Each structure stands twice: as structure tokens, then as C-alpha cells.
Amino acid sequence: MPLAVSNSSPLIHLSLIGRISLLQRFSEVVIPPAVWQEVVEQGGDRPGTTEIREARESGGLRVVEPSNRALVRLLKQELHPGEAESIVLAIEVRPDVLLLDEAEARRVAGLYDLPVTGIIGLLIQAKREGLVASLAEEMDRLREQGSFRIHDALYRRVLEMEKEE
């Protein structure tokens, strides 16, 4: 099973649409402290906070401090703390995938040749594996329940690509 490093957005949005279980396809999900703080400590009683806490307690999710603090500080000049720490952690642990949604963070991760996917990529994979029935329904839930912005052109392209027109 693959190893993943995740930023906050995929965890938060999977939680908001009741799909945090999709992370079980990974042997382990590793997150930096800034992501734990944003998702769990600042998450309050947002949906998914309990599930993320339980994933850590069961060993499916691990919090790891990136060691290259100088690079974290440098990346924080352009990115949010969780994004910066996630990218540096991914450079250090070399996961199979780095879970990121934000365009600028994905661009920076690309500079380090990190394999990146976001929540839509996770949903596409879940559909291919038979874990979700309809990408349209999942993306609609992301938009409505998760307030996740999906450009109409991307929405149509995903449905067309996955033969779900």
C-alpha cells in the first residue's frame, strides 16, 4: 500500500463530505504539526475532526515534524504553514503521493519533483476502485457541503474523462 503525506485541505474536505475513509487506501498518512493543528486543534467540532484524531490513535495517521526548518521558513514566505511543512516533509520522507489542493502549493511541490494529487484525484481513484458510485455526486457534495471551488471546465473534464457524462 502506498504512503501519503497530506496537507490540511484534502483532510478537511474529505471529512466534510463523509469520505475520510478513502484515506484507508494508504498504508499510512503522514502529516506535519501545522496540519494537525489546523485540522484537529483548530477544527473544533467540524465534521471529521474526531475521525482524524481516531486515525492517529489507531496508527493510520502519524504526525511528523519536518527536520529542514530553514526550508520550511523559506517556503512559508509564499505558502501557508501547513503547505510549507507538508512539502518539506514530503521531500524528506519521499511518499508515493503528496495530497495538496492549492494551485500555488502544487506548483512549488512540482519544483521538487513530488508526486501530487488532490481531493478530485482521490475521488477519481476511488471511482475506478468502485468505492464511490458517481463522481458528479461526490463533486457536487464537495461544492455544496464542503464549499470547495471546482471550476466548471474541470468539473466537465473530469466527468468526460471518466465517462460519466
N, C-alpha and C. Protein backbone atom coordinates (compact mmCIF):
# COMPACT_ATOMS: atom_id res chain seq x y z
N MET A 1 0.84 -1.19 0.00
CA MET A 1 0.00 0.00 0.00
C MET A 1 0.88 1.25 0.00
N PRO A 2 0.42 2.28 -0.68
CA PRO A 2 1.23 3.50 -0.78
C PRO A 2 1.22 4.34 0.49
N LEU A 3 2.27 5.14 0.62
CA LEU A 3 2.41 6.10 1.71
C LEU A 3 2.03 7.48 1.19
N ALA A 4 1.32 8.25 2.00
CA ALA A 4 0.92 9.61 1.60
C ALA A 4 1.34 10.61 2.67
N VAL A 5 1.68 11.81 2.20
CA VAL A 5 1.82 12.98 3.07
C VAL A 5 0.66 13.88 2.68
N SER A 6 -0.01 14.47 3.68
CA SER A 6 -1.18 15.29 3.35
C SER A 6 -1.09 16.67 3.96
N ASN A 7 -1.62 17.62 3.20
CA ASN A 7 -1.87 18.96 3.68
C ASN A 7 -3.28 18.98 4.28
N SER A 8 -3.69 20.08 4.81
CA SER A 8 -4.99 20.20 5.50
C SER A 8 -6.19 20.05 4.59
N SER A 9 -6.17 20.69 3.44
CA SER A 9 -7.36 20.76 2.59
C SER A 9 -7.96 19.39 2.24
N PRO A 10 -7.17 18.43 1.78
CA PRO A 10 -7.78 17.13 1.47
C PRO A 10 -8.42 16.48 2.70
N LEU A 11 -7.77 16.59 3.85
CA LEU A 11 -8.34 16.00 5.07
C LEU A 11 -9.65 16.69 5.46
N ILE A 12 -9.65 18.00 5.42
CA ILE A 12 -10.84 18.77 5.80
C ILE A 12 -11.99 18.47 4.84
N HIS A 13 -11.71 18.51 3.54
CA HIS A 13 -12.80 18.34 2.58
C HIS A 13 -13.29 16.90 2.49
N LEU A 14 -12.41 15.92 2.63
CA LEU A 14 -12.89 14.54 2.70
C LEU A 14 -13.78 14.37 3.92
N SER A 15 -13.40 14.98 5.02
CA SER A 15 -14.21 14.91 6.24
C SER A 15 -15.58 15.54 6.03
N LEU A 16 -15.60 16.70 5.39
CA LEU A 16 -16.86 17.43 5.20
C LEU A 16 -17.86 16.66 4.33
N ILE A 17 -17.37 15.81 3.44
CA ILE A 17 -18.29 15.05 2.59
C ILE A 17 -18.41 13.59 3.05
N GLY A 18 -17.89 13.30 4.24
CA GLY A 18 -18.04 11.96 4.79
C GLY A 18 -17.22 10.89 4.08
N ARG A 19 -16.09 11.28 3.50
CA ARG A 19 -15.26 10.34 2.74
C ARG A 19 -13.84 10.19 3.30
N ILE A 20 -13.66 10.45 4.60
CA ILE A 20 -12.33 10.32 5.19
C ILE A 20 -11.83 8.88 5.08
N SER A 21 -12.74 7.94 4.96
CA SER A 21 -12.36 6.53 4.84
C SER A 21 -11.56 6.25 3.57
N LEU A 22 -11.61 7.15 2.58
CA LEU A 22 -10.83 6.95 1.36
C LEU A 22 -9.33 6.97 1.64
N LEU A 23 -8.93 7.51 2.77
CA LEU A 23 -7.51 7.53 3.12
C LEU A 23 -7.00 6.15 3.53
N GLN A 24 -7.92 5.22 3.76
CA GLN A 24 -7.52 3.87 4.15
C GLN A 24 -6.81 3.12 3.03
N ARG A 25 -6.85 3.67 1.82
CA ARG A 25 -6.12 3.03 0.72
C ARG A 25 -4.61 3.19 0.87
N PHE A 26 -4.19 4.06 1.79
CA PHE A 26 -2.77 4.29 2.05
C PHE A 26 -2.33 3.47 3.25
N SER A 27 -1.10 2.97 3.21
CA SER A 27 -0.57 2.23 4.36
C SER A 27 -0.49 3.15 5.57
N GLU A 28 -0.19 4.41 5.28
CA GLU A 28 -0.10 5.41 6.33
C GLU A 28 -0.22 6.79 5.70
N VAL A 29 -0.83 7.71 6.44
CA VAL A 29 -0.87 9.11 6.03
C VAL A 29 -0.04 9.86 7.07
N VAL A 30 0.94 10.60 6.58
CA VAL A 30 1.83 11.37 7.45
C VAL A 30 1.50 12.85 7.25
N ILE A 31 1.37 13.56 8.37
CA ILE A 31 1.09 14.99 8.30
C ILE A 31 2.06 15.73 9.22
N PRO A 32 2.38 16.97 8.88
CA PRO A 32 3.23 17.77 9.77
C PRO A 32 2.40 18.41 10.88
N PRO A 33 3.06 18.89 11.92
CA PRO A 33 2.35 19.51 13.05
C PRO A 33 1.41 20.66 12.66
N ALA A 34 1.79 21.48 11.68
CA ALA A 34 0.92 22.61 11.28
C ALA A 34 -0.41 22.11 10.73
N VAL A 35 -0.40 20.96 10.06
CA VAL A 35 -1.64 20.39 9.53
C VAL A 35 -2.49 19.83 10.67
N TRP A 36 -1.86 19.13 11.61
CA TRP A 36 -2.60 18.61 12.78
C TRP A 36 -3.26 19.76 13.52
N GLN A 37 -2.50 20.84 13.71
CA GLN A 37 -3.04 21.99 14.44
C GLN A 37 -4.25 22.57 13.71
N GLU A 38 -4.13 22.76 12.40
CA GLU A 38 -5.23 23.35 11.64
C GLU A 38 -6.46 22.45 11.61
N VAL A 39 -6.24 21.16 11.35
CA VAL A 39 -7.36 20.24 11.15
C VAL A 39 -8.01 19.85 12.47
N VAL A 40 -7.20 19.51 13.48
CA VAL A 40 -7.75 18.95 14.72
C VAL A 40 -7.86 20.00 15.82
N GLU A 41 -6.74 20.65 16.14
CA GLU A 41 -6.76 21.58 17.27
C GLU A 41 -7.61 22.81 16.99
N GLN A 42 -7.57 23.32 15.76
CA GLN A 42 -8.41 24.48 15.41
C GLN A 42 -9.72 24.05 14.78
N GLY A 43 -9.86 22.76 14.51
CA GLY A 43 -11.04 22.24 13.83
C GLY A 43 -12.31 22.24 14.67
N GLY A 44 -12.14 22.33 15.98
CA GLY A 44 -13.30 22.34 16.86
C GLY A 44 -14.15 21.10 16.67
N ASP A 45 -15.44 21.30 16.45
CA ASP A 45 -16.31 20.15 16.23
C ASP A 45 -16.72 20.04 14.77
N ARG A 46 -15.85 20.50 13.89
CA ARG A 46 -16.06 20.36 12.46
C ARG A 46 -16.12 18.86 12.13
N PRO A 47 -16.97 18.47 11.16
CA PRO A 47 -17.01 17.06 10.78
C PRO A 47 -15.63 16.55 10.40
N GLY A 48 -15.31 15.36 10.87
CA GLY A 48 -14.05 14.73 10.52
C GLY A 48 -12.96 14.89 11.55
N THR A 49 -13.08 15.87 12.43
CA THR A 49 -12.04 16.08 13.43
C THR A 49 -11.87 14.84 14.29
N THR A 50 -12.97 14.25 14.71
CA THR A 50 -12.92 13.03 15.52
C THR A 50 -12.28 11.89 14.73
N GLU A 51 -12.65 11.76 13.45
CA GLU A 51 -12.11 10.68 12.62
C GLU A 51 -10.61 10.83 12.43
N ILE A 52 -10.14 12.06 12.26
CA ILE A 52 -8.70 12.30 12.10
C ILE A 52 -7.97 11.95 13.39
N ARG A 53 -8.53 12.35 14.52
CA ARG A 53 -7.94 12.04 15.82
C ARG A 53 -7.88 10.51 16.01
N GLU A 54 -8.98 9.82 15.65
CA GLU A 54 -9.02 8.36 15.78
C GLU A 54 -8.03 7.69 14.84
N ALA A 55 -7.84 8.24 13.64
CA ALA A 55 -6.86 7.68 12.70
C ALA A 55 -5.46 7.76 13.30
N ARG A 56 -5.17 8.83 14.00
CA ARG A 56 -3.86 8.95 14.64
C ARG A 56 -3.72 7.92 15.77
N GLU A 57 -4.77 7.78 16.55
CA GLU A 57 -4.73 6.84 17.67
C GLU A 57 -4.60 5.39 17.20
N SER A 58 -5.17 5.07 16.04
CA SER A 58 -5.11 3.70 15.52
C SER A 58 -3.85 3.43 14.71
N GLY A 59 -3.05 4.46 14.45
CA GLY A 59 -1.80 4.27 13.74
C GLY A 59 -1.88 4.49 12.24
N GLY A 60 -3.04 4.83 11.71
CA GLY A 60 -3.18 5.08 10.27
C GLY A 60 -2.70 6.46 9.86
N LEU A 61 -2.55 7.32 10.84
CA LEU A 61 -2.10 8.69 10.59
C LEU A 61 -1.01 9.02 11.61
N ARG A 62 0.06 9.62 11.14
CA ARG A 62 1.18 9.94 12.02
C ARG A 62 1.57 11.39 11.81
N VAL A 63 1.87 12.08 12.90
CA VAL A 63 2.33 13.47 12.85
C VAL A 63 3.86 13.45 12.95
N VAL A 64 4.51 14.05 11.95
CA VAL A 64 5.97 14.06 11.89
C VAL A 64 6.45 15.49 11.62
N GLU A 65 7.39 15.93 12.41
CA GLU A 65 7.97 17.27 12.25
C GLU A 65 9.02 17.23 11.13
N PRO A 66 8.90 18.09 10.12
CA PRO A 66 9.96 18.14 9.11
C PRO A 66 11.24 18.66 9.76
N SER A 67 12.37 18.08 9.37
CA SER A 67 13.63 18.47 10.03
C SER A 67 14.28 19.70 9.39
N ASN A 68 14.02 19.96 8.12
CA ASN A 68 14.65 21.10 7.45
C ASN A 68 13.85 22.38 7.72
N ARG A 69 14.05 22.94 8.91
CA ARG A 69 13.30 24.13 9.33
C ARG A 69 13.63 25.35 8.46
N ALA A 70 14.86 25.40 7.94
CA ALA A 70 15.24 26.53 7.09
C ALA A 70 14.40 26.53 5.81
N LEU A 71 14.19 25.37 5.22
CA LEU A 71 13.37 25.29 4.02
C LEU A 71 11.90 25.58 4.35
N VAL A 72 11.43 25.12 5.50
CA VAL A 72 10.06 25.45 5.92
C VAL A 72 9.90 26.96 6.00
N ARG A 73 10.84 27.64 6.64
CA ARG A 73 10.77 29.11 6.76
C ARG A 73 10.76 29.77 5.39
N LEU A 74 11.60 29.27 4.49
CA LEU A 74 11.66 29.82 3.14
C LEU A 74 10.32 29.65 2.42
N LEU A 75 9.76 28.45 2.46
CA LEU A 75 8.50 28.20 1.76
C LEU A 75 7.32 28.94 2.39
N LYS A 76 7.40 29.20 3.69
CA LYS A 76 6.33 29.94 4.36
C LYS A 76 6.24 31.38 3.88
N GLN A 77 7.26 31.85 3.16
CA GLN A 77 7.17 33.19 2.59
C GLN A 77 6.15 33.23 1.46
N GLU A 78 5.90 32.09 0.82
CA GLU A 78 4.94 32.00 -0.29
C GLU A 78 3.67 31.22 0.06
N LEU A 79 3.79 30.31 1.01
CA LEU A 79 2.72 29.35 1.27
C LEU A 79 2.24 29.42 2.71
N HIS A 80 1.09 28.80 2.96
CA HIS A 80 0.59 28.65 4.32
C HIS A 80 1.49 27.68 5.09
N PRO A 81 1.53 27.77 6.41
CA PRO A 81 2.40 26.89 7.20
C PRO A 81 2.19 25.39 6.91
N GLY A 82 0.95 24.95 6.82
CA GLY A 82 0.70 23.54 6.55
C GLY A 82 1.20 23.09 5.19
N GLU A 83 1.04 23.95 4.21
CA GLU A 83 1.54 23.64 2.86
C GLU A 83 3.06 23.56 2.87
N ALA A 84 3.71 24.54 3.49
CA ALA A 84 5.17 24.56 3.55
C ALA A 84 5.70 23.32 4.26
N GLU A 85 5.14 23.02 5.43
CA GLU A 85 5.60 21.85 6.19
C GLU A 85 5.31 20.56 5.44
N SER A 86 4.16 20.46 4.76
CA SER A 86 3.82 19.25 4.01
C SER A 86 4.81 19.01 2.88
N ILE A 87 5.18 20.06 2.17
CA ILE A 87 6.12 19.92 1.06
C ILE A 87 7.49 19.49 1.58
N VAL A 88 7.96 20.13 2.64
CA VAL A 88 9.27 19.77 3.19
C VAL A 88 9.24 18.33 3.72
N LEU A 89 8.17 17.97 4.40
CA LEU A 89 8.05 16.60 4.90
C LEU A 89 8.05 15.60 3.75
N ALA A 90 7.37 15.92 2.68
CA ALA A 90 7.36 15.03 1.51
C ALA A 90 8.75 14.91 0.88
N ILE A 91 9.50 15.99 0.85
CA ILE A 91 10.88 15.93 0.35
C ILE A 91 11.69 14.96 1.21
N GLU A 92 11.43 14.98 2.51
CA GLU A 92 12.22 14.16 3.44
C GLU A 92 11.80 12.70 3.46
N VAL A 93 10.50 12.41 3.41
CA VAL A 93 10.06 11.00 3.53
C VAL A 93 9.79 10.34 2.18
N ARG A 94 9.76 11.12 1.09
CA ARG A 94 9.54 10.60 -0.28
C ARG A 94 8.33 9.67 -0.35
N PRO A 95 7.13 10.20 -0.10
CA PRO A 95 5.93 9.37 -0.15
C PRO A 95 5.57 9.00 -1.59
N ASP A 96 4.63 8.10 -1.73
CA ASP A 96 4.11 7.76 -3.05
C ASP A 96 3.30 8.92 -3.61
N VAL A 97 2.69 9.71 -2.71
CA VAL A 97 1.89 10.85 -3.14
C VAL A 97 1.82 11.91 -2.05
N LEU A 98 1.80 13.15 -2.48
CA LEU A 98 1.59 14.30 -1.61
C LEU A 98 0.20 14.83 -1.92
N LEU A 99 -0.66 14.88 -0.91
CA LEU A 99 -2.03 15.32 -1.10
C LEU A 99 -2.11 16.84 -0.88
N LEU A 100 -2.34 17.55 -1.97
CA LEU A 100 -2.41 19.02 -1.97
C LEU A 100 -3.49 19.46 -2.93
N ASP A 101 -4.23 20.49 -2.58
CA ASP A 101 -5.25 21.02 -3.49
C ASP A 101 -4.89 22.39 -4.05
N GLU A 102 -4.22 23.22 -3.29
CA GLU A 102 -3.98 24.60 -3.68
C GLU A 102 -2.98 24.70 -4.83
N ALA A 103 -3.31 25.51 -5.82
CA ALA A 103 -2.51 25.61 -7.05
C ALA A 103 -1.07 26.05 -6.79
N GLU A 104 -0.87 27.06 -5.97
CA GLU A 104 0.49 27.55 -5.73
C GLU A 104 1.32 26.49 -5.00
N ALA A 105 0.72 25.81 -4.03
CA ALA A 105 1.45 24.76 -3.32
C ALA A 105 1.80 23.61 -4.27
N ARG A 106 0.89 23.29 -5.18
CA ARG A 106 1.16 22.23 -6.16
C ARG A 106 2.31 22.65 -7.09
N ARG A 107 2.33 23.92 -7.46
CA ARG A 107 3.41 24.42 -8.32
C ARG A 107 4.75 24.28 -7.62
N VAL A 108 4.80 24.68 -6.34
CA VAL A 108 6.05 24.60 -5.59
C VAL A 108 6.46 23.12 -5.41
N ALA A 109 5.51 22.26 -5.11
CA ALA A 109 5.81 20.83 -4.97
C ALA A 109 6.39 20.28 -6.26
N GLY A 110 5.90 20.76 -7.39
CA GLY A 110 6.42 20.33 -8.69
C GLY A 110 7.88 20.70 -8.89
N LEU A 111 8.30 21.81 -8.29
CA LEU A 111 9.70 22.22 -8.38
C LEU A 111 10.63 21.19 -7.73
N TYR A 112 10.08 20.43 -6.78
CA TYR A 112 10.85 19.41 -6.08
C TYR A 112 10.54 18.00 -6.60
N ASP A 113 9.86 17.93 -7.74
CA ASP A 113 9.50 16.65 -8.37
C ASP A 113 8.72 15.73 -7.44
N LEU A 114 7.81 16.29 -6.67
CA LEU A 114 6.99 15.49 -5.77
C LEU A 114 5.73 15.04 -6.49
N PRO A 115 5.34 13.78 -6.32
CA PRO A 115 4.10 13.30 -6.93
C PRO A 115 2.90 13.85 -6.16
N VAL A 116 2.06 14.61 -6.83
CA VAL A 116 0.97 15.32 -6.16
C VAL A 116 -0.38 14.89 -6.73
N THR A 117 -1.35 14.78 -5.84
CA THR A 117 -2.75 14.67 -6.25
C THR A 117 -3.57 15.42 -5.20
N GLY A 118 -4.80 15.74 -5.57
CA GLY A 118 -5.68 16.44 -4.65
C GLY A 118 -6.94 15.64 -4.41
N ILE A 119 -7.92 16.28 -3.85
CA ILE A 119 -9.14 15.58 -3.49
C ILE A 119 -9.87 15.04 -4.72
N ILE A 120 -9.84 15.77 -5.82
CA ILE A 120 -10.51 15.27 -7.02
C ILE A 120 -9.78 14.03 -7.55
N GLY A 121 -8.46 14.04 -7.50
CA GLY A 121 -7.70 12.85 -7.89
C GLY A 121 -8.01 11.66 -7.00
N LEU A 122 -8.17 11.90 -5.71
CA LEU A 122 -8.55 10.82 -4.79
C LEU A 122 -9.94 10.27 -5.13
N LEU A 123 -10.85 11.16 -5.48
CA LEU A 123 -12.21 10.72 -5.84
C LEU A 123 -12.20 9.93 -7.15
N ILE A 124 -11.39 10.36 -8.12
CA ILE A 124 -11.29 9.63 -9.38
C ILE A 124 -10.77 8.21 -9.10
N GLN A 125 -9.73 8.10 -8.29
CA GLN A 125 -9.18 6.79 -7.96
C GLN A 125 -10.22 5.94 -7.23
N ALA A 126 -10.95 6.55 -6.33
CA ALA A 126 -11.99 5.82 -5.59
C ALA A 126 -13.08 5.32 -6.54
N LYS A 127 -13.42 6.13 -7.53
CA LYS A 127 -14.43 5.70 -8.52
C LYS A 127 -13.89 4.52 -9.32
N ARG A 128 -12.66 4.58 -9.74
CA ARG A 128 -12.04 3.50 -10.50
C ARG A 128 -11.97 2.20 -9.70
N GLU A 129 -11.82 2.34 -8.37
CA GLU A 129 -11.74 1.18 -7.49
C GLU A 129 -13.13 0.73 -7.00
N GLY A 130 -14.18 1.40 -7.46
CA GLY A 130 -15.53 1.03 -7.07
C GLY A 130 -15.94 1.46 -5.68
N LEU A 131 -15.22 2.41 -5.11
CA LEU A 131 -15.53 2.88 -3.75
C LEU A 131 -16.56 4.00 -3.73
N VAL A 132 -16.73 4.68 -4.85
CA VAL A 132 -17.79 5.68 -5.00
C VAL A 132 -18.52 5.38 -6.30
N ALA A 133 -19.80 5.66 -6.30
CA ALA A 133 -20.63 5.33 -7.47
C ALA A 133 -20.62 6.43 -8.52
N SER A 134 -20.58 7.70 -8.07
CA SER A 134 -20.73 8.81 -9.01
C SER A 134 -19.80 9.95 -8.67
N LEU A 135 -18.93 10.29 -9.60
CA LEU A 135 -18.06 11.45 -9.41
C LEU A 135 -18.87 12.74 -9.39
N ALA A 136 -19.90 12.80 -10.21
CA ALA A 136 -20.74 14.01 -10.23
C ALA A 136 -21.34 14.25 -8.84
N GLU A 137 -21.85 13.19 -8.21
CA GLU A 137 -22.44 13.35 -6.88
C GLU A 137 -21.38 13.77 -5.86
N GLU A 138 -20.20 13.16 -5.95
CA GLU A 138 -19.13 13.49 -5.00
C GLU A 138 -18.66 14.93 -5.19
N MET A 139 -18.47 15.35 -6.44
CA MET A 139 -18.02 16.72 -6.69
C MET A 139 -19.12 17.72 -6.32
N ASP A 140 -20.38 17.36 -6.52
CA ASP A 140 -21.48 18.24 -6.10
C ASP A 140 -21.47 18.39 -4.58
N ARG A 141 -21.24 17.29 -3.86
CA ARG A 141 -21.17 17.35 -2.40
C ARG A 141 -19.98 18.21 -1.96
N LEU A 142 -18.86 18.08 -2.67
CA LEU A 142 -17.71 18.93 -2.36
C LEU A 142 -18.07 20.40 -2.49
N ARG A 143 -18.75 20.72 -3.57
CA ARG A 143 -19.14 22.12 -3.81
C ARG A 143 -20.14 22.59 -2.76
N GLU A 144 -21.16 21.78 -2.49
CA GLU A 144 -22.26 22.21 -1.63
C GLU A 144 -21.94 22.09 -0.15
N GLN A 145 -21.46 20.93 0.28
CA GLN A 145 -21.21 20.70 1.70
C GLN A 145 -19.83 21.18 2.13
N GLY A 146 -18.87 21.10 1.21
CA GLY A 146 -17.50 21.44 1.57
C GLY A 146 -17.07 22.82 1.12
N SER A 147 -17.95 23.54 0.43
CA SER A 147 -17.61 24.86 -0.11
C SER A 147 -16.30 24.82 -0.89
N PHE A 148 -16.08 23.73 -1.61
CA PHE A 148 -14.87 23.52 -2.39
C PHE A 148 -15.11 24.05 -3.79
N ARG A 149 -14.22 24.91 -4.24
CA ARG A 149 -14.38 25.50 -5.57
C ARG A 149 -13.83 24.57 -6.64
N ILE A 150 -14.72 24.18 -7.53
CA ILE A 150 -14.33 23.37 -8.69
C ILE A 150 -14.77 24.15 -9.92
N HIS A 151 -13.82 24.57 -10.72
CA HIS A 151 -14.14 25.30 -11.94
C HIS A 151 -15.02 24.42 -12.83
N ASP A 152 -16.02 25.03 -13.46
CA ASP A 152 -16.95 24.27 -14.30
C ASP A 152 -16.23 23.47 -15.39
N ALA A 153 -15.19 24.05 -15.97
CA ALA A 153 -14.45 23.34 -17.03
C ALA A 153 -13.78 22.09 -16.47
N LEU A 154 -13.21 22.16 -15.28
CA LEU A 154 -12.60 20.99 -14.65
C LEU A 154 -13.66 19.95 -14.32
N TYR A 155 -14.77 20.40 -13.79
CA TYR A 155 -15.89 19.50 -13.45
C TYR A 155 -16.30 18.69 -14.69
N ARG A 156 -16.51 19.40 -15.80
CA ARG A 156 -16.92 18.72 -17.05
C ARG A 156 -15.83 17.80 -17.57
N ARG A 157 -14.57 18.26 -17.49
CA ARG A 157 -13.46 17.46 -18.00
C ARG A 157 -13.31 16.16 -17.20
N VAL A 158 -13.47 16.21 -15.89
CA VAL A 158 -13.37 15.01 -15.05
C VAL A 158 -14.47 14.03 -15.43
N LEU A 159 -15.69 14.54 -15.56
CA LEU A 159 -16.80 13.65 -15.92
C LEU A 159 -16.62 13.04 -17.30
N GLU A 160 -16.13 13.83 -18.22
CA GLU A 160 -15.89 13.34 -19.59
C GLU A 160 -14.77 12.29 -19.58
N MET A 161 -13.69 12.60 -18.89
CA MET A 161 -12.53 11.71 -18.83
C MET A 161 -12.91 10.34 -18.22
N GLU A 162 -13.78 10.38 -17.24
CA GLU A 162 -14.19 9.15 -16.55
C GLU A 162 -15.48 8.57 -17.11
N LYS A 163 -15.88 9.07 -18.28
CA LYS A 163 -17.07 8.55 -18.98
C LYS A 163 -18.33 8.59 -18.12
N GLU A 164 -18.51 9.73 -17.47
CA GLU A 164 -19.66 9.92 -16.59
C GLU A 164 -20.42 11.17 -17.01
N GLU A 165 -20.85 11.19 -18.26
CA GLU A 165 -21.48 12.40 -18.80
C GLU A 165 -22.97 12.41 -18.57
